[in-house]
Structures are given as structure tokens and as C-alpha cells.
Amino acid sequence: MPIPDSLYTKANVRTLVSELADDPDHVAWTAANKDLIISLVYDTLWSRMLELSPNLTSARQDLTSLTSPGYFTISTGLDNRFQRIHTITRNSQVYSPVSVKDVVIQGDVVKAEDVRGSYHYVLLGDQVHLLPYNTTDDVEVRYSYKPTRFTDIASDATVITWPDGHEEVLIYAAAARLLMRGDREDATQLSTIADLAWRELSSAIQHQQLGPIMPHHMNQPSAWGAE
């Protein structure tokens, strides 16, 4: 799935944030520290976007080897900045998530004899254990991810990864954050603009096709009034 495109470069964002924060010459903040603040806001907003639209970014990765007795580590096993698992498949079998409270951990081994069904995965910190254990067959993992950190974007001329036309959220939110230092100026107006821009952005990423709004992230129909 292609990730959103933006026409704004890293330099564009930093310049606009600096102007709005009334610090174009990097007196109150160094350019490097501004990038750190922008990066914090960038990641926070991306996390919020992926909560609203879980498929806004989606990567498929084939794992050809697992750590004995049969798990992979998110931080070292996946290529992108992991946000949330979508599906795990092996030999055309889709694995279902199971809570850690429903399994028994004995040393490095997880047992889930009391869980219905045969194919499950459980997250133990940074590890994803696939049950029943198997270190031979390949595993396909599809997951959402946050893009490259703002501070790690290759150069100032590189465009940021952001929904096209909605950069205002990032720019105004970051500028408001910079103004908070020492209460130099009132950041209320910038925060208000950022909030309004966020509403437009959240509506746009949730409603990318015609049709009714459908609830998700609910496990039981009864949570929506069904019986």
C-alpha cells in the first residue's frame, strides 16, 4: 500500500515552524533541537493517525528464520518502525492473537493448551511467539509502521511522509510546542489552528471511500448494542 505523499521537504517544515515560532534565526532554539521537537510531534501525530486508520501504512515482510523455539523479535526482525500487527500467516494458515493471560510461560517456552484452535501468536514484550512452535517454515507478517523519524530523514531536500494537503497539523503543532519554552509567547492561537487542522486530517484519513462509517477495534458485537 503506498504511503501518503507530501510536497513539503524537511527544510520547508523546519523553516515554516521557525517562522511561526518567531525564531527564524534559531536564537531561542538551535536548528538541531528544533528538529528533535518536530520529530516528537511527527511521531505522536503518526501514532494518532494509525490509531484512526490502521492501514494508512502497511508493510508485508517474509521471515525465513525464527529464533528457537519459534519466535521473532519486533525490533530486530522487522524492517520498519513497527506500530501494530495486522496479520501473521504461515502455510496459508492465518494465526490468531491470544492474550498473555491465556498462556503459560515456562522458561523460554510458551504453552497454550487451553486456548481454542491450533494456530495463535502471543506478544511477550518485543517477542512474537507463534504457536505451535515451528522454526522451519517461512512466516508472512503484515503490519503498520511509522515512517522514518524526522531527525533521520536523509537530507533537507527530502520530502516528508505525510498526507498531502494536511501538513498544517504538523507545522502548527510543532510551532506551538516551541513557543511553550519559558512562556515566551502565547501559543493558544497556534494550538487552536493545529486542532482544527487535525479534525480535517482525521476525517480525511478515515473516510477514504464512499459508504457508511463502520466501527472497528471492538471484539464483541454487544459493545455496539447487538445481542
C-alpha atoms as a PDB file:
ATOM      1  CA  MET A   1       0.000   0.000   0.000  1.00  0.00           C
ATOM      2  CA  PRO A   2       1.544   3.347  -0.996  1.00  0.00           C
ATOM      3  CA  ILE A   3       2.156   5.735   1.851  1.00  0.00           C
ATOM      4  CA  PRO A   4       0.857   9.326   1.577  1.00  0.00           C
ATOM      5  CA  ASP A   5       2.811  11.828  -0.486  1.00  0.00           C
ATOM      6  CA  SER A   6       3.702  15.362   0.526  1.00  0.00           C
ATOM      7  CA  LEU A   7       5.254  18.235  -1.406  1.00  0.00           C
ATOM      8  CA  TYR A   8       6.924  19.628   1.715  1.00  0.00           C
ATOM      9  CA  THR A   9      10.588  18.920   2.329  1.00  0.00           C
ATOM     10  CA  LYS A  10      12.314  18.614   5.676  1.00  0.00           C
ATOM     11  CA  ALA A  11      13.731  22.117   5.151  1.00  0.00           C
ATOM     12  CA  ASN A  12      10.282  23.513   4.297  1.00  0.00           C
ATOM     13  CA  VAL A  13       8.837  22.201   7.532  1.00  0.00           C
ATOM     14  CA  ARG A  14      11.673  23.481   9.692  1.00  0.00           C
ATOM     15  CA  THR A  15      11.551  26.936   8.065  1.00  0.00           C
ATOM     16  CA  LEU A  16       7.788  27.323   8.489  1.00  0.00           C
ATOM     17  CA  VAL A  17       7.878  26.079  12.070  1.00  0.00           C
ATOM     18  CA  SER A  18      10.680  28.538  12.843  1.00  0.00           C
ATOM     19  CA  GLU A  19       8.777  31.445  11.309  1.00  0.00           C
ATOM     20  CA  LEU A  20       5.574  30.634  13.192  1.00  0.00           C
ATOM     21  CA  ALA A  21       7.526  30.270  16.437  1.00  0.00           C
ATOM     22  CA  ASP A  22       9.067  33.704  15.800  1.00  0.00           C
ATOM     23  CA  ASP A  23      12.566  32.232  15.726  1.00  0.00           C
ATOM     24  CA  PRO A  24      13.717  32.222  12.075  1.00  0.00           C
ATOM     25  CA  ASP A  25      17.378  32.740  13.031  1.00  0.00           C
ATOM     26  CA  HIS A  26      17.442  29.859  15.541  1.00  0.00           C
ATOM     27  CA  VAL A  27      18.118  32.052  18.549  1.00  0.00           C
ATOM     28  CA  ALA A  28      15.714  30.538  21.059  1.00  0.00           C
ATOM     29  CA  TRP A  29      16.234  27.045  19.654  1.00  0.00           C
ATOM     30  CA  THR A  30      19.081  25.600  17.637  1.00  0.00           C
ATOM     31  CA  ALA A  31      18.113  24.064  14.312  1.00  0.00           C
ATOM     32  CA  ALA A  32      19.107  20.633  15.643  1.00  0.00           C
ATOM     33  CA  ASN A  33      16.892  20.954  18.716  1.00  0.00           C
ATOM     34  CA  LYS A  34      14.029  22.204  16.583  1.00  0.00           C
ATOM     35  CA  ASP A  35      14.337  19.042  14.535  1.00  0.00           C
ATOM     36  CA  LEU A  36      14.124  16.985  17.726  1.00  0.00           C
ATOM     37  CA  ILE A  37      10.913  18.738  18.784  1.00  0.00           C
ATOM     38  CA  ILE A  38       9.424  18.422  15.298  1.00  0.00           C
ATOM     39  CA  SER A  39      10.360  14.737  15.342  1.00  0.00           C
ATOM     40  CA  LEU A  40       8.492  14.221  18.632  1.00  0.00           C
ATOM     41  CA  VAL A  41       5.366  15.867  17.234  1.00  0.00           C
ATOM     42  CA  TYR A  42       5.766  13.992  13.926  1.00  0.00           C
ATOM     43  CA  ASP A  43       5.810  10.602  15.677  1.00  0.00           C
ATOM     44  CA  THR A  44       2.954  11.489  18.032  1.00  0.00           C
ATOM     45  CA  LEU A  45       0.705  12.557  15.171  1.00  0.00           C
ATOM     46  CA  TRP A  46       1.629   9.497  13.113  1.00  0.00           C
ATOM     47  CA  SER A  47       0.686   7.242  16.028  1.00  0.00           C
ATOM     48  CA  ARG A  48      -2.671   9.021  16.281  1.00  0.00           C
ATOM     49  CA  MET A  49      -3.254   8.679  12.538  1.00  0.00           C
ATOM     50  CA  LEU A  50      -2.537   4.954  12.635  1.00  0.00           C
ATOM     51  CA  GLU A  51      -4.980   4.520  15.500  1.00  0.00           C
ATOM     52  CA  LEU A  52      -7.696   6.117  13.361  1.00  0.00           C
ATOM     53  CA  SER A  53      -6.694   4.480  10.080  1.00  0.00           C
ATOM     54  CA  PRO A  54      -4.718   1.279  10.814  1.00  0.00           C
ATOM     55  CA  ASN A  55      -3.972   0.621   7.130  1.00  0.00           C
ATOM     56  CA  LEU A  56      -2.631   4.078   6.353  1.00  0.00           C
ATOM     57  CA  THR A  57       0.755   2.397   6.203  1.00  0.00           C
ATOM     58  CA  SER A  58       1.108  -1.328   5.603  1.00  0.00           C
ATOM     59  CA  ALA A  59       4.174  -3.470   5.024  1.00  0.00           C
ATOM     60  CA  ARG A  60       4.447  -7.151   4.174  1.00  0.00           C
ATOM     61  CA  GLN A  61       7.576  -8.984   5.245  1.00  0.00           C
ATOM     62  CA  ASP A  62       8.552 -12.630   4.854  1.00  0.00           C
ATOM     63  CA  LEU A  63      10.596 -14.084   7.711  1.00  0.00           C
ATOM     64  CA  THR A  64      12.663 -17.069   6.653  1.00  0.00           C
ATOM     65  CA  SER A  65      14.043 -17.945  10.062  1.00  0.00           C
ATOM     66  CA  LEU A  66      12.755 -17.732  13.609  1.00  0.00           C
ATOM     67  CA  THR A  67      14.580 -17.897  16.907  1.00  0.00           C
ATOM     68  CA  SER A  68      14.246 -21.233  18.706  1.00  0.00           C
ATOM     69  CA  PRO A  69      11.773 -22.451  19.858  1.00  0.00           C
ATOM     70  CA  GLY A  70       9.803 -20.359  17.314  1.00  0.00           C
ATOM     71  CA  TYR A  71       9.519 -16.597  17.744  1.00  0.00           C
ATOM     72  CA  PHE A  72      10.716 -13.395  16.095  1.00  0.00           C
ATOM     73  CA  THR A  73      11.782 -10.126  17.669  1.00  0.00           C
ATOM     74  CA  ILE A  74       9.987  -6.992  16.501  1.00  0.00           C
ATOM     75  CA  SER A  75      12.859  -4.515  16.936  1.00  0.00           C
ATOM     76  CA  THR A  76      15.402  -6.582  15.010  1.00  0.00           C
ATOM     77  CA  GLY A  77      13.221  -8.821  12.850  1.00  0.00           C
ATOM     78  CA  LEU A  78      11.084  -6.198  11.106  1.00  0.00           C
ATOM     79  CA  ASP A  79      12.497  -3.641   8.688  1.00  0.00           C
ATOM     80  CA  ASN A  80      10.200  -0.705   9.508  1.00  0.00           C
ATOM     81  CA  ARG A  81       9.298   1.193  12.665  1.00  0.00           C
ATOM     82  CA  PHE A  82       6.645  -1.176  13.972  1.00  0.00           C
ATOM     83  CA  GLN A  83       3.244   0.128  15.031  1.00  0.00           C
ATOM     84  CA  ARG A  84       0.812  -2.810  15.061  1.00  0.00           C
ATOM     85  CA  ILE A  85       0.454  -6.330  13.673  1.00  0.00           C
ATOM     86  CA  HIS A  86      -2.240  -6.770  11.028  1.00  0.00           C
ATOM     87  CA  THR A  87      -1.893 -10.450  10.135  1.00  0.00           C
ATOM     88  CA  ILE A  88       0.533 -13.324  10.575  1.00  0.00           C
ATOM     89  CA  THR A  89       0.313 -16.176   8.063  1.00  0.00           C
ATOM     90  CA  ARG A  90       2.237 -19.413   7.596  1.00  0.00           C
ATOM     91  CA  ASN A  91       1.439 -22.149   5.064  1.00  0.00           C
ATOM     92  CA  SER A  92      -1.811 -20.324   4.183  1.00  0.00           C
ATOM     93  CA  GLN A  93      -2.840 -20.535   7.836  1.00  0.00           C
ATOM     94  CA  VAL A  94      -3.760 -17.229   9.496  1.00  0.00           C
ATOM     95  CA  TYR A  95      -2.671 -17.033  13.115  1.00  0.00           C
ATOM     96  CA  SER A  96      -4.964 -15.512  15.740  1.00  0.00           C
ATOM     97  CA  PRO A  97      -3.737 -13.283  18.580  1.00  0.00           C
ATOM     98  CA  VAL A  98      -4.039 -14.581  22.116  1.00  0.00           C
ATOM     99  CA  SER A  99      -3.573 -12.690  25.368  1.00  0.00           C
ATOM    100  CA  VAL A 100      -0.585 -13.416  27.552  1.00  0.00           C
ATOM    101  CA  LYS A 101      -3.001 -14.108  30.416  1.00  0.00           C
ATOM    102  CA  ASP A 102      -4.283 -17.123  28.471  1.00  0.00           C
ATOM    103  CA  VAL A 103      -0.926 -18.853  28.167  1.00  0.00           C
ATOM    104  CA  VAL A 104       1.550 -20.482  30.497  1.00  0.00           C
ATOM    105  CA  ILE A 105       5.205 -19.409  30.319  1.00  0.00           C
ATOM    106  CA  GLN A 106       7.783 -21.991  31.350  1.00  0.00           C
ATOM    107  CA  GLY A 107      11.290 -20.652  30.909  1.00  0.00           C
ATOM    108  CA  ASP A 108      11.629 -19.666  27.244  1.00  0.00           C
ATOM    109  CA  VAL A 109       8.626 -21.731  26.167  1.00  0.00           C
ATOM    110  CA  VAL A 110       5.001 -20.637  25.912  1.00  0.00           C
ATOM    111  CA  LYS A 111       2.211 -23.186  26.298  1.00  0.00           C
ATOM    112  CA  ALA A 112      -1.399 -22.520  25.350  1.00  0.00           C
ATOM    113  CA  GLU A 113      -3.134 -25.869  25.606  1.00  0.00           C
ATOM    114  CA  ASP A 114      -6.328 -24.329  26.987  1.00  0.00           C
ATOM    115  CA  VAL A 115      -6.800 -21.881  24.104  1.00  0.00           C
ATOM    116  CA  ARG A 116      -9.305 -22.948  21.455  1.00  0.00           C
ATOM    117  CA  GLY A 117      -7.913 -23.561  17.989  1.00  0.00           C
ATOM    118  CA  SER A 118      -4.477 -24.566  16.879  1.00  0.00           C
ATOM    119  CA  TYR A 119      -2.691 -21.508  15.480  1.00  0.00           C
ATOM    120  CA  HIS A 120      -2.024 -18.493  17.672  1.00  0.00           C
ATOM    121  CA  TYR A 121       0.557 -15.845  18.366  1.00  0.00           C
ATOM    122  CA  VAL A 122       1.277 -14.087  21.627  1.00  0.00           C
ATOM    123  CA  LEU A 123       3.350 -10.958  22.284  1.00  0.00           C
ATOM    124  CA  LEU A 124       5.851 -11.157  25.097  1.00  0.00           C
ATOM    125  CA  GLY A 125       7.467  -7.739  25.209  1.00  0.00           C
ATOM    126  CA  ASP A 126       9.424  -7.421  21.964  1.00  0.00           C
ATOM    127  CA  GLN A 127       8.962 -11.088  21.064  1.00  0.00           C
ATOM    128  CA  VAL A 128       6.163 -12.606  18.970  1.00  0.00           C
ATOM    129  CA  HIS A 129       5.746 -16.318  19.726  1.00  0.00           C
ATOM    130  CA  LEU A 130       3.950 -18.442  17.114  1.00  0.00           C
ATOM    131  CA  LEU A 131       2.102 -21.462  18.462  1.00  0.00           C
ATOM    132  CA  PRO A 132       2.546 -24.313  17.804  1.00  0.00           C
ATOM    133  CA  TYR A 133       6.273 -23.719  17.601  1.00  0.00           C
ATOM    134  CA  ASN A 134       7.963 -24.177  14.230  1.00  0.00           C
ATOM    135  CA  THR A 135      11.337 -22.860  13.112  1.00  0.00           C
ATOM    136  CA  THR A 136      11.299 -24.437   9.651  1.00  0.00           C
ATOM    137  CA  ASP A 137       8.531 -22.801   7.600  1.00  0.00           C
ATOM    138  CA  ASP A 138       8.538 -19.173   6.421  1.00  0.00           C
ATOM    139  CA  VAL A 139       6.235 -16.653   8.075  1.00  0.00           C
ATOM    140  CA  GLU A 140       4.462 -13.730   6.393  1.00  0.00           C
ATOM    141  CA  VAL A 141       3.898 -10.706   8.634  1.00  0.00           C
ATOM    142  CA  ARG A 142       1.810  -7.708   7.607  1.00  0.00           C
ATOM    143  CA  TYR A 143       1.955  -4.694   9.908  1.00  0.00           C
ATOM    144  CA  SER A 144       1.549  -0.936  10.130  1.00  0.00           C
ATOM    145  CA  TYR A 145       4.543   1.275  10.802  1.00  0.00           C
ATOM    146  CA  LYS A 146       5.620   4.830  11.466  1.00  0.00           C
ATOM    147  CA  PRO A 147       7.798   6.399   8.752  1.00  0.00           C
ATOM    148  CA  THR A 148      11.419   7.435   9.163  1.00  0.00           C
ATOM    149  CA  ARG A 149      11.940   9.814  12.087  1.00  0.00           C
ATOM    150  CA  PHE A 150      12.054  13.471  11.092  1.00  0.00           C
ATOM    151  CA  THR A 151      15.584  13.704  12.501  1.00  0.00           C
ATOM    152  CA  ASP A 152      16.671  10.703  10.399  1.00  0.00           C
ATOM    153  CA  ILE A 153      15.297  11.922   7.060  1.00  0.00           C
ATOM    154  CA  ALA A 154      18.217  11.746   4.658  1.00  0.00           C
ATOM    155  CA  SER A 155      18.579  15.419   3.723  1.00  0.00           C
ATOM    156  CA  ASP A 156      16.848  18.771   3.986  1.00  0.00           C
ATOM    157  CA  ALA A 157      15.721  18.350   0.360  1.00  0.00           C
ATOM    158  CA  THR A 158      13.886  15.073   1.082  1.00  0.00           C
ATOM    159  CA  VAL A 159      10.091  15.260   1.229  1.00  0.00           C
ATOM    160  CA  ILE A 160       8.412  14.169   4.449  1.00  0.00           C
ATOM    161  CA  THR A 161       5.984  11.270   4.614  1.00  0.00           C
ATOM    162  CA  TRP A 162       2.661  12.906   5.280  1.00  0.00           C
ATOM    163  CA  PRO A 163      -0.886  13.035   3.839  1.00  0.00           C
ATOM    164  CA  ASP A 164      -0.722  15.566   1.027  1.00  0.00           C
ATOM    165  CA  GLY A 165      -2.522  18.809   1.832  1.00  0.00           C
ATOM    166  CA  HIS A 166      -2.594  18.283   5.592  1.00  0.00           C
ATOM    167  CA  GLU A 167       0.898  19.450   6.593  1.00  0.00           C
ATOM    168  CA  GLU A 168      -0.641  22.315   8.564  1.00  0.00           C
ATOM    169  CA  VAL A 169      -1.277  19.997  11.519  1.00  0.00           C
ATOM    170  CA  LEU A 170       2.392  19.126  11.915  1.00  0.00           C
ATOM    171  CA  ILE A 171       3.694  22.640  11.310  1.00  0.00           C
ATOM    172  CA  TYR A 172       1.356  24.477  13.688  1.00  0.00           C
ATOM    173  CA  ALA A 173       1.523  21.811  16.404  1.00  0.00           C
ATOM    174  CA  ALA A 174       5.335  21.847  16.347  1.00  0.00           C
ATOM    175  CA  ALA A 175       5.461  25.662  16.377  1.00  0.00           C
ATOM    176  CA  ALA A 176       3.123  25.739  19.380  1.00  0.00           C
ATOM    177  CA  ARG A 177       5.389  23.293  21.174  1.00  0.00           C
ATOM    178  CA  LEU A 178       8.425  25.522  20.550  1.00  0.00           C
ATOM    179  CA  LEU A 179       6.638  28.597  21.882  1.00  0.00           C
ATOM    180  CA  MET A 180       5.978  26.857  25.192  1.00  0.00           C
ATOM    181  CA  ARG A 181       9.611  27.261  26.210  1.00  0.00           C
ATOM    182  CA  GLY A 182       9.762  29.784  29.042  1.00  0.00           C
ATOM    183  CA  ASP A 183       6.268  31.026  28.157  1.00  0.00           C
ATOM    184  CA  ARG A 184       7.858  33.413  25.668  1.00  0.00           C
ATOM    185  CA  GLU A 185       4.575  33.891  23.821  1.00  0.00           C
ATOM    186  CA  ASP A 186       1.019  32.646  23.969  1.00  0.00           C
ATOM    187  CA  ALA A 187       0.769  29.501  21.856  1.00  0.00           C
ATOM    188  CA  THR A 188      -3.020  29.244  22.137  1.00  0.00           C
ATOM    189  CA  GLN A 189      -3.727  30.520  18.635  1.00  0.00           C
ATOM    190  CA  LEU A 190      -1.250  28.102  17.053  1.00  0.00           C
ATOM    191  CA  SER A 191      -2.675  25.207  19.075  1.00  0.00           C
ATOM    192  CA  THR A 192      -6.219  26.110  18.013  1.00  0.00           C
ATOM    193  CA  ILE A 193      -5.244  26.102  14.339  1.00  0.00           C
ATOM    194  CA  ALA A 194      -3.455  22.775  14.813  1.00  0.00           C
ATOM    195  CA  ASP A 195      -6.563  21.276  16.452  1.00  0.00           C
ATOM    196  CA  LEU A 196      -8.811  22.407  13.609  1.00  0.00           C
ATOM    197  CA  ALA A 197      -6.360  21.054  11.041  1.00  0.00           C
ATOM    198  CA  TRP A 198      -6.240  17.746  12.921  1.00  0.00           C
ATOM    199  CA  ARG A 199     -10.016  17.403  12.648  1.00  0.00           C
ATOM    200  CA  GLU A 200      -9.801  17.836   8.888  1.00  0.00           C
ATOM    201  CA  LEU A 201      -6.933  15.368   8.647  1.00  0.00           C
ATOM    202  CA  SER A 202      -8.598  12.732  10.814  1.00  0.00           C
ATOM    203  CA  SER A 203     -11.798  12.973   8.767  1.00  0.00           C
ATOM    204  CA  ALA A 204      -9.872  12.640   5.511  1.00  0.00           C
ATOM    205  CA  ILE A 205      -7.906   9.523   6.506  1.00  0.00           C
ATOM    206  CA  GLN A 206     -10.923   7.758   7.990  1.00  0.00           C
ATOM    207  CA  HIS A 207     -13.253   8.391   5.065  1.00  0.00           C
ATOM    208  CA  GLN A 208     -11.203   7.482   2.013  1.00  0.00           C
ATOM    209  CA  GLN A 209     -14.106   5.814   0.234  1.00  0.00           C
ATOM    210  CA  LEU A 210     -17.863   6.277  -0.110  1.00  0.00           C
ATOM    211  CA  GLY A 211     -20.047   4.378   2.306  1.00  0.00           C
ATOM    212  CA  PRO A 212     -21.201   4.292   5.914  1.00  0.00           C
ATOM    213  CA  ILE A 213     -18.860   4.729   8.855  1.00  0.00           C
ATOM    214  CA  MET A 214     -18.077   1.285  10.230  1.00  0.00           C
ATOM    215  CA  PRO A 215     -16.869   0.656  13.795  1.00  0.00           C
ATOM    216  CA  HIS A 216     -13.679  -1.312  14.351  1.00  0.00           C
ATOM    217  CA  HIS A 217     -11.365  -2.351  17.193  1.00  0.00           C
ATOM    218  CA  MET A 218     -14.329  -3.871  19.031  1.00  0.00           C
ATOM    219  CA  ASN A 219     -14.140  -7.550  19.917  1.00  0.00           C
ATOM    220  CA  GLN A 220     -17.767  -8.140  20.869  1.00  0.00           C
ATOM    221  CA  PRO A 221     -20.919  -7.142  18.922  1.00  0.00           C
ATOM    222  CA  SER A 222     -22.580  -6.441  22.280  1.00  0.00           C
ATOM    223  CA  ALA A 223     -20.278  -3.426  22.648  1.00  0.00           C
ATOM    224  CA  TRP A 224     -22.320  -1.809  19.860  1.00  0.00           C
ATOM    225  CA  GLY A 225     -25.727  -2.727  21.277  1.00  0.00           C
ATOM    226  CA  ALA A 226     -26.132  -6.063  19.458  1.00  0.00           C
ATOM    227  CA  GLU A 227     -27.226  -9.210  21.210  1.00  0.00           C
END
